[in-house]
Amino acid sequence: MMKKKFRNLFKTCIVVGTLALSTSIFLPLGSDAAGNISDRKFDYTYIGDGCDHTVEVSRKKLDYTSCYVKNTSNFAIRINVLSTNRSGKSFTVLENSSVTPYLRVPAGHSKYIPNYVREHGYHSCTLGINPEIHKRAKVTGVWSPDSV
């Protein structure tokens, strides 16, 4: 009788252990690896005319998380997320999908930018950047369409 209980307990432990191990191995692949989280640099010279600048690259948005941006300029910038329609290397801006019109990112800081790109049915996006200064300056930073 004791042998049978021990055998059943042992089988149960094997099943539970196998499930726990397989879940811990494959769960990160579904959640963390799904997003487009690699940082890409933006670097351009702002001419000081007060107009927004769109990052020259449209990137695939793979999940419903916020975009990430880090401002490495020495002045604050305002950012919004623009849904795009990609066609090879070119793209068309379709709409502002930011939750707020612009999010201020101080010099040397990073922010997560809530957006509705995927919720609006789009699969790629870019950034609209508006420096707070209105003179010629170098605007630099990194961004990713998805965040962890």
N, C-alpha and C. Protein backbone atom coordinates (compact mmCIF):
# COMPACT_ATOMS: atom_id res chain seq x y z
N MET A 1 0.82 -1.18 0.00
CA MET A 1 0.00 0.00 0.00
C MET A 1 0.87 1.26 0.00
N MET A 2 1.89 1.25 0.85
CA MET A 2 2.78 2.40 0.95
C MET A 2 3.55 2.57 -0.36
N LYS A 3 3.94 1.45 -0.99
CA LYS A 3 4.66 1.50 -2.25
C LYS A 3 3.81 2.15 -3.34
N LYS A 4 2.53 1.84 -3.37
CA LYS A 4 1.61 2.38 -4.37
C LYS A 4 1.44 3.89 -4.17
N LYS A 5 1.30 4.35 -2.93
CA LYS A 5 1.17 5.78 -2.65
C LYS A 5 2.45 6.51 -3.06
N PHE A 6 3.58 5.90 -2.75
CA PHE A 6 4.86 6.52 -3.11
C PHE A 6 5.01 6.61 -4.63
N ARG A 7 4.61 5.55 -5.34
CA ARG A 7 4.69 5.52 -6.80
C ARG A 7 3.79 6.60 -7.39
N ASN A 8 2.57 6.76 -6.89
CA ASN A 8 1.64 7.78 -7.38
C ASN A 8 2.19 9.19 -7.09
N LEU A 9 2.74 9.37 -5.90
CA LEU A 9 3.33 10.67 -5.55
C LEU A 9 4.51 10.97 -6.46
N PHE A 10 5.32 9.97 -6.73
CA PHE A 10 6.47 10.14 -7.60
C PHE A 10 6.02 10.52 -9.02
N LYS A 11 5.01 9.85 -9.55
CA LYS A 11 4.47 10.16 -10.89
C LYS A 11 3.92 11.59 -10.93
N THR A 12 3.23 11.98 -9.88
CA THR A 12 2.67 13.33 -9.80
C THR A 12 3.78 14.37 -9.80
N CYS A 13 4.84 14.12 -9.03
CA CYS A 13 5.98 15.04 -8.99
C CYS A 13 6.64 15.15 -10.36
N ILE A 14 6.78 14.05 -11.06
CA ILE A 14 7.39 14.06 -12.39
C ILE A 14 6.54 14.91 -13.34
N VAL A 15 5.24 14.72 -13.33
CA VAL A 15 4.34 15.47 -14.22
C VAL A 15 4.39 16.97 -13.88
N VAL A 16 4.27 17.31 -12.62
CA VAL A 16 4.29 18.72 -12.20
C VAL A 16 5.64 19.35 -12.51
N GLY A 17 6.71 18.63 -12.25
CA GLY A 17 8.05 19.15 -12.55
C GLY A 17 8.26 19.39 -14.03
N THR A 18 7.79 18.45 -14.86
CA THR A 18 7.92 18.60 -16.31
C THR A 18 7.13 19.81 -16.80
N LEU A 19 5.91 19.97 -16.30
CA LEU A 19 5.09 21.13 -16.69
C LEU A 19 5.75 22.44 -16.25
N ALA A 20 6.26 22.48 -15.05
CA ALA A 20 6.90 23.69 -14.54
C ALA A 20 8.13 24.04 -15.37
N LEU A 21 8.94 23.04 -15.70
CA LEU A 21 10.14 23.27 -16.48
C LEU A 21 9.80 23.73 -17.89
N SER A 22 8.84 23.08 -18.53
CA SER A 22 8.49 23.46 -19.90
C SER A 22 7.87 24.86 -19.94
N THR A 23 7.09 25.21 -18.93
CA THR A 23 6.51 26.55 -18.88
C THR A 23 7.59 27.60 -18.69
N SER A 24 8.55 27.36 -17.83
CA SER A 24 9.61 28.34 -17.59
C SER A 24 10.53 28.49 -18.79
N ILE A 25 10.64 27.47 -19.61
CA ILE A 25 11.49 27.55 -20.80
C ILE A 25 10.77 28.31 -21.91
N PHE A 26 9.50 28.01 -22.16
CA PHE A 26 8.80 28.58 -23.30
C PHE A 26 8.05 29.87 -23.02
N LEU A 27 7.74 30.20 -21.80
CA LEU A 27 7.01 31.42 -21.49
C LEU A 27 7.75 32.67 -21.91
N PRO A 28 9.06 32.81 -21.67
CA PRO A 28 9.75 34.02 -22.11
C PRO A 28 9.73 34.20 -23.62
N LEU A 29 9.71 33.11 -24.37
CA LEU A 29 9.67 33.25 -25.81
C LEU A 29 8.38 33.90 -26.28
N GLY A 30 7.29 33.66 -25.61
CA GLY A 30 6.02 34.24 -26.02
C GLY A 30 5.84 35.66 -25.56
N SER A 31 6.35 36.03 -24.39
CA SER A 31 6.09 37.36 -23.87
C SER A 31 7.20 38.34 -24.19
N ASP A 32 8.42 38.07 -23.78
CA ASP A 32 9.51 39.02 -23.97
C ASP A 32 10.00 39.07 -25.41
N ALA A 33 10.09 37.94 -26.06
CA ALA A 33 10.67 37.90 -27.39
C ALA A 33 9.70 38.38 -28.47
N ALA A 34 8.45 38.61 -28.13
CA ALA A 34 7.46 39.01 -29.12
C ALA A 34 7.66 40.44 -29.58
N GLY A 35 8.13 41.32 -28.71
CA GLY A 35 8.23 42.73 -29.04
C GLY A 35 9.47 43.10 -29.83
N ASN A 36 9.37 44.22 -30.53
CA ASN A 36 10.49 44.78 -31.29
C ASN A 36 11.20 45.76 -30.35
N ILE A 37 12.05 45.23 -29.47
CA ILE A 37 12.60 46.03 -28.37
C ILE A 37 14.03 46.49 -28.58
N SER A 38 14.62 46.21 -29.74
CA SER A 38 16.00 46.66 -29.96
C SER A 38 16.01 48.18 -30.21
N ASP A 39 16.93 48.86 -29.55
CA ASP A 39 17.04 50.31 -29.70
C ASP A 39 17.66 50.66 -31.04
N ARG A 40 17.10 51.67 -31.68
CA ARG A 40 17.67 52.19 -32.92
C ARG A 40 17.94 53.67 -32.73
N LYS A 41 19.07 54.11 -33.21
CA LYS A 41 19.51 55.48 -33.02
C LYS A 41 18.76 56.45 -33.94
N PHE A 42 18.44 57.64 -33.45
CA PHE A 42 18.04 58.74 -34.32
C PHE A 42 19.03 59.87 -34.11
N ASP A 43 19.36 60.55 -35.18
CA ASP A 43 20.42 61.56 -35.14
C ASP A 43 20.21 62.47 -36.34
N TYR A 44 19.82 63.69 -36.10
CA TYR A 44 19.62 64.62 -37.20
C TYR A 44 19.87 66.05 -36.73
N THR A 45 20.06 66.94 -37.68
CA THR A 45 20.26 68.34 -37.37
C THR A 45 18.93 69.07 -37.53
N TYR A 46 18.45 69.62 -36.46
CA TYR A 46 17.21 70.41 -36.44
C TYR A 46 17.56 71.83 -36.89
N ILE A 47 16.80 72.37 -37.84
CA ILE A 47 17.15 73.69 -38.37
C ILE A 47 16.55 74.84 -37.56
N GLY A 48 15.72 74.53 -36.57
CA GLY A 48 15.21 75.57 -35.69
C GLY A 48 13.97 76.27 -36.20
N ASP A 49 13.23 75.64 -37.11
CA ASP A 49 12.06 76.29 -37.70
C ASP A 49 10.76 76.05 -36.95
N GLY A 50 10.80 75.29 -35.86
CA GLY A 50 9.60 75.03 -35.08
C GLY A 50 8.76 73.87 -35.60
N CYS A 51 9.16 73.27 -36.71
CA CYS A 51 8.39 72.14 -37.28
C CYS A 51 8.80 70.82 -36.66
N ASP A 52 7.87 69.88 -36.69
CA ASP A 52 8.17 68.52 -36.23
C ASP A 52 9.08 67.83 -37.23
N HIS A 53 9.81 66.87 -36.74
CA HIS A 53 10.65 66.04 -37.58
C HIS A 53 10.19 64.60 -37.38
N THR A 54 10.03 63.86 -38.46
CA THR A 54 9.67 62.45 -38.38
C THR A 54 10.92 61.62 -38.55
N VAL A 55 11.12 60.65 -37.66
CA VAL A 55 12.26 59.74 -37.79
C VAL A 55 12.16 59.07 -39.16
N GLU A 56 13.29 58.94 -39.83
CA GLU A 56 13.30 58.45 -41.21
C GLU A 56 12.96 56.98 -41.36
N VAL A 57 12.82 56.27 -40.27
CA VAL A 57 12.59 54.83 -40.33
C VAL A 57 11.25 54.48 -39.69
N SER A 58 10.46 53.69 -40.39
CA SER A 58 9.25 53.13 -39.83
C SER A 58 9.59 51.72 -39.38
N ARG A 59 9.18 51.38 -38.17
CA ARG A 59 9.54 50.06 -37.63
C ARG A 59 8.29 49.26 -37.29
N LYS A 60 8.41 47.94 -37.40
CA LYS A 60 7.28 47.05 -37.07
C LYS A 60 6.97 47.14 -35.59
N LYS A 61 5.70 47.22 -35.28
CA LYS A 61 5.22 47.21 -33.90
C LYS A 61 4.58 45.85 -33.69
N LEU A 62 5.16 45.05 -32.80
CA LEU A 62 4.75 43.66 -32.66
C LEU A 62 3.82 43.38 -31.49
N ASP A 63 3.69 44.33 -30.56
CA ASP A 63 2.81 44.08 -29.43
C ASP A 63 2.10 45.37 -29.00
N TYR A 64 1.38 45.29 -27.91
CA TYR A 64 0.54 46.39 -27.44
C TYR A 64 1.22 47.24 -26.36
N THR A 65 2.54 47.11 -26.20
CA THR A 65 3.24 47.87 -25.17
C THR A 65 3.55 49.28 -25.64
N SER A 66 4.06 50.09 -24.73
CA SER A 66 4.46 51.45 -25.06
C SER A 66 5.74 51.45 -25.89
N CYS A 67 5.94 52.53 -26.66
CA CYS A 67 7.23 52.74 -27.32
C CYS A 67 8.21 53.25 -26.27
N TYR A 68 9.49 53.05 -26.52
CA TYR A 68 10.53 53.51 -25.62
C TYR A 68 11.39 54.53 -26.35
N VAL A 69 11.72 55.63 -25.68
CA VAL A 69 12.63 56.62 -26.26
C VAL A 69 13.58 57.14 -25.19
N LYS A 70 14.84 57.33 -25.59
CA LYS A 70 15.83 57.95 -24.70
C LYS A 70 16.40 59.15 -25.44
N ASN A 71 16.34 60.30 -24.80
CA ASN A 71 16.83 61.55 -25.37
C ASN A 71 18.27 61.78 -24.94
N THR A 72 19.21 61.70 -25.89
CA THR A 72 20.62 61.96 -25.56
C THR A 72 21.05 63.35 -26.00
N SER A 73 20.11 64.18 -26.44
CA SER A 73 20.39 65.57 -26.79
C SER A 73 20.63 66.34 -25.50
N ASN A 74 21.13 67.58 -25.60
CA ASN A 74 21.33 68.37 -24.39
C ASN A 74 20.20 69.38 -24.17
N PHE A 75 19.00 69.05 -24.65
CA PHE A 75 17.80 69.86 -24.46
C PHE A 75 16.59 68.91 -24.52
N ALA A 76 15.46 69.36 -24.02
CA ALA A 76 14.25 68.53 -23.99
C ALA A 76 13.64 68.42 -25.39
N ILE A 77 13.01 67.28 -25.64
CA ILE A 77 12.26 67.08 -26.87
C ILE A 77 10.85 66.62 -26.52
N ARG A 78 9.93 66.85 -27.43
CA ARG A 78 8.57 66.34 -27.28
C ARG A 78 8.35 65.28 -28.36
N ILE A 79 7.76 64.17 -27.95
CA ILE A 79 7.64 63.00 -28.83
C ILE A 79 6.17 62.60 -28.97
N ASN A 80 5.80 62.17 -30.18
CA ASN A 80 4.54 61.45 -30.35
C ASN A 80 4.79 60.24 -31.24
N VAL A 81 3.90 59.27 -31.17
CA VAL A 81 4.02 58.03 -31.92
C VAL A 81 3.07 58.11 -33.11
N LEU A 82 3.59 57.87 -34.30
CA LEU A 82 2.80 57.96 -35.52
C LEU A 82 2.64 56.59 -36.14
N SER A 83 1.39 56.18 -36.37
CA SER A 83 1.13 54.92 -37.07
C SER A 83 1.50 55.10 -38.53
N THR A 84 2.09 54.07 -39.12
CA THR A 84 2.53 54.18 -40.51
C THR A 84 2.08 52.98 -41.32
N ASN A 85 2.10 53.18 -42.63
CA ASN A 85 1.86 52.12 -43.59
C ASN A 85 3.18 51.89 -44.31
N ARG A 86 3.81 50.76 -44.06
CA ARG A 86 5.13 50.48 -44.63
C ARG A 86 5.00 49.89 -46.01
N SER A 87 5.91 50.30 -46.88
CA SER A 87 6.03 49.70 -48.20
C SER A 87 7.52 49.66 -48.52
N GLY A 88 8.15 48.55 -48.23
CA GLY A 88 9.60 48.46 -48.38
C GLY A 88 10.28 49.41 -47.40
N LYS A 89 11.16 50.28 -47.91
CA LYS A 89 11.84 51.23 -47.05
C LYS A 89 11.07 52.53 -46.89
N SER A 90 10.07 52.76 -47.72
CA SER A 90 9.29 54.00 -47.61
C SER A 90 8.04 53.74 -46.77
N PHE A 91 7.46 54.82 -46.25
CA PHE A 91 6.25 54.68 -45.45
C PHE A 91 5.41 55.95 -45.54
N THR A 92 4.15 55.80 -45.20
CA THR A 92 3.22 56.92 -45.15
C THR A 92 2.71 57.05 -43.73
N VAL A 93 2.76 58.25 -43.18
CA VAL A 93 2.22 58.47 -41.84
C VAL A 93 0.70 58.52 -41.95
N LEU A 94 0.03 57.72 -41.13
CA LEU A 94 -1.42 57.62 -41.21
C LEU A 94 -2.13 58.41 -40.13
N GLU A 95 -1.66 58.33 -38.89
CA GLU A 95 -2.29 59.08 -37.82
C GLU A 95 -1.42 59.12 -36.58
N ASN A 96 -1.69 60.11 -35.74
CA ASN A 96 -1.03 60.20 -34.44
C ASN A 96 -1.71 59.20 -33.53
N SER A 97 -0.97 58.20 -33.07
CA SER A 97 -1.54 57.16 -32.22
C SER A 97 -1.10 57.27 -30.77
N SER A 98 -0.48 58.39 -30.41
CA SER A 98 -0.09 58.58 -29.02
C SER A 98 -1.31 58.78 -28.15
N VAL A 99 -1.22 58.35 -26.92
CA VAL A 99 -2.30 58.56 -25.97
C VAL A 99 -2.46 60.05 -25.68
N THR A 100 -1.33 60.76 -25.57
CA THR A 100 -1.34 62.21 -25.40
C THR A 100 -0.70 62.82 -26.65
N PRO A 101 -1.02 64.07 -26.99
CA PRO A 101 -0.47 64.66 -28.22
C PRO A 101 1.06 64.62 -28.26
N TYR A 102 1.72 65.00 -27.20
CA TYR A 102 3.18 64.95 -27.11
C TYR A 102 3.57 64.58 -25.70
N LEU A 103 4.66 63.85 -25.58
CA LEU A 103 5.21 63.53 -24.27
C LEU A 103 6.58 64.17 -24.18
N ARG A 104 6.81 64.95 -23.14
CA ARG A 104 8.08 65.66 -22.97
C ARG A 104 9.14 64.70 -22.41
N VAL A 105 10.30 64.67 -23.06
CA VAL A 105 11.42 63.85 -22.61
C VAL A 105 12.60 64.80 -22.35
N PRO A 106 12.92 65.05 -21.09
CA PRO A 106 14.04 65.95 -20.77
C PRO A 106 15.38 65.39 -21.28
N ALA A 107 16.34 66.26 -21.40
CA ALA A 107 17.68 65.85 -21.84
C ALA A 107 18.22 64.77 -20.90
N GLY A 108 18.79 63.71 -21.49
CA GLY A 108 19.40 62.64 -20.72
C GLY A 108 18.42 61.67 -20.07
N HIS A 109 17.13 61.80 -20.35
CA HIS A 109 16.12 60.93 -19.74
C HIS A 109 15.49 60.01 -20.78
N SER A 110 14.81 58.99 -20.28
CA SER A 110 14.06 58.09 -21.15
C SER A 110 12.62 58.02 -20.67
N LYS A 111 11.73 57.68 -21.58
CA LYS A 111 10.31 57.57 -21.26
C LYS A 111 9.69 56.44 -22.07
N TYR A 112 8.61 55.92 -21.53
CA TYR A 112 7.76 54.99 -22.26
C TYR A 112 6.57 55.79 -22.77
N ILE A 113 6.25 55.64 -24.04
CA ILE A 113 5.21 56.44 -24.66
C ILE A 113 3.99 55.56 -24.95
N PRO A 114 2.94 55.69 -24.16
CA PRO A 114 1.72 54.91 -24.43
C PRO A 114 1.16 55.28 -25.80
N ASN A 115 0.68 54.26 -26.52
CA ASN A 115 0.15 54.51 -27.86
C ASN A 115 -0.88 53.46 -28.24
N TYR A 116 -1.62 53.73 -29.31
CA TYR A 116 -2.67 52.84 -29.79
C TYR A 116 -2.40 52.34 -31.20
N VAL A 117 -1.15 52.13 -31.55
CA VAL A 117 -0.82 51.69 -32.90
C VAL A 117 -1.53 50.38 -33.23
N ARG A 118 -1.31 49.36 -32.43
CA ARG A 118 -1.92 48.05 -32.69
C ARG A 118 -3.44 48.08 -32.50
N GLU A 119 -3.88 48.82 -31.49
CA GLU A 119 -5.32 48.90 -31.23
C GLU A 119 -6.07 49.54 -32.40
N HIS A 120 -5.40 50.42 -33.15
CA HIS A 120 -6.02 51.07 -34.31
C HIS A 120 -5.85 50.23 -35.58
N GLY A 121 -5.26 49.05 -35.45
CA GLY A 121 -5.14 48.14 -36.58
C GLY A 121 -3.88 48.30 -37.43
N TYR A 122 -2.90 49.07 -36.96
CA TYR A 122 -1.66 49.26 -37.71
C TYR A 122 -0.57 48.34 -37.17
N HIS A 123 0.46 48.13 -37.97
CA HIS A 123 1.52 47.20 -37.59
C HIS A 123 2.91 47.82 -37.65
N SER A 124 3.00 49.12 -37.86
CA SER A 124 4.30 49.79 -37.84
C SER A 124 4.11 51.23 -37.39
N CYS A 125 5.24 51.82 -36.95
CA CYS A 125 5.16 53.19 -36.44
C CYS A 125 6.50 53.89 -36.57
N THR A 126 6.47 55.19 -36.35
CA THR A 126 7.67 56.01 -36.30
C THR A 126 7.45 57.07 -35.23
N LEU A 127 8.45 57.91 -35.02
CA LEU A 127 8.33 58.97 -34.02
C LEU A 127 8.21 60.33 -34.68
N GLY A 128 7.40 61.18 -34.09
CA GLY A 128 7.39 62.60 -34.42
C GLY A 128 8.15 63.30 -33.31
N ILE A 129 9.15 64.09 -33.67
CA ILE A 129 10.00 64.74 -32.67
C ILE A 129 9.90 66.25 -32.83
N ASN A 130 9.70 66.94 -31.71
CA ASN A 130 9.64 68.39 -31.71
C ASN A 130 10.55 68.91 -30.61
N PRO A 131 11.73 69.43 -30.96
CA PRO A 131 12.63 69.98 -29.95
C PRO A 131 12.02 71.21 -29.28
N GLU A 132 12.31 71.39 -28.01
CA GLU A 132 11.77 72.56 -27.30
C GLU A 132 12.55 73.83 -27.60
N ILE A 133 13.72 73.69 -28.19
CA ILE A 133 14.47 74.89 -28.56
C ILE A 133 14.12 75.24 -30.00
N HIS A 134 14.26 76.47 -30.38
CA HIS A 134 13.98 76.87 -31.76
C HIS A 134 15.21 77.52 -32.37
N LYS A 135 16.28 76.76 -32.37
CA LYS A 135 17.52 77.17 -33.02
C LYS A 135 18.20 75.92 -33.56
N ARG A 136 19.12 76.09 -34.46
CA ARG A 136 19.83 74.97 -35.06
C ARG A 136 20.51 74.13 -33.97
N ALA A 137 20.27 72.81 -34.00
CA ALA A 137 20.84 71.93 -32.97
C ALA A 137 20.83 70.49 -33.46
N LYS A 138 21.67 69.69 -32.84
CA LYS A 138 21.75 68.25 -33.12
C LYS A 138 20.79 67.52 -32.19
N VAL A 139 19.88 66.73 -32.75
CA VAL A 139 18.91 65.96 -31.97
C VAL A 139 19.34 64.50 -32.03
N THR A 140 19.56 63.88 -30.86
CA THR A 140 20.03 62.50 -30.82
C THR A 140 19.29 61.70 -29.76
N GLY A 141 19.24 60.40 -29.98
CA GLY A 141 18.63 59.50 -29.01
C GLY A 141 18.47 58.12 -29.59
N VAL A 142 17.77 57.26 -28.85
CA VAL A 142 17.45 55.92 -29.32
C VAL A 142 15.97 55.66 -29.05
N TRP A 143 15.39 54.72 -29.81
CA TRP A 143 14.00 54.37 -29.60
C TRP A 143 13.72 52.94 -30.04
N SER A 144 12.66 52.38 -29.51
CA SER A 144 12.17 51.08 -29.95
C SER A 144 10.64 51.13 -29.96
N PRO A 145 10.02 50.47 -30.94
CA PRO A 145 8.57 50.51 -31.05
C PRO A 145 7.84 49.79 -29.91
N ASP A 146 8.48 48.80 -29.33
CA ASP A 146 7.88 48.04 -28.24
C ASP A 146 8.77 48.14 -27.01
N SER A 147 8.22 47.84 -25.87
CA SER A 147 9.01 47.86 -24.64
C SER A 147 8.78 46.56 -23.89
N VAL A 148 9.65 46.28 -22.94
CA VAL A 148 9.53 45.03 -22.18
C VAL A 148 8.54 45.17 -21.06
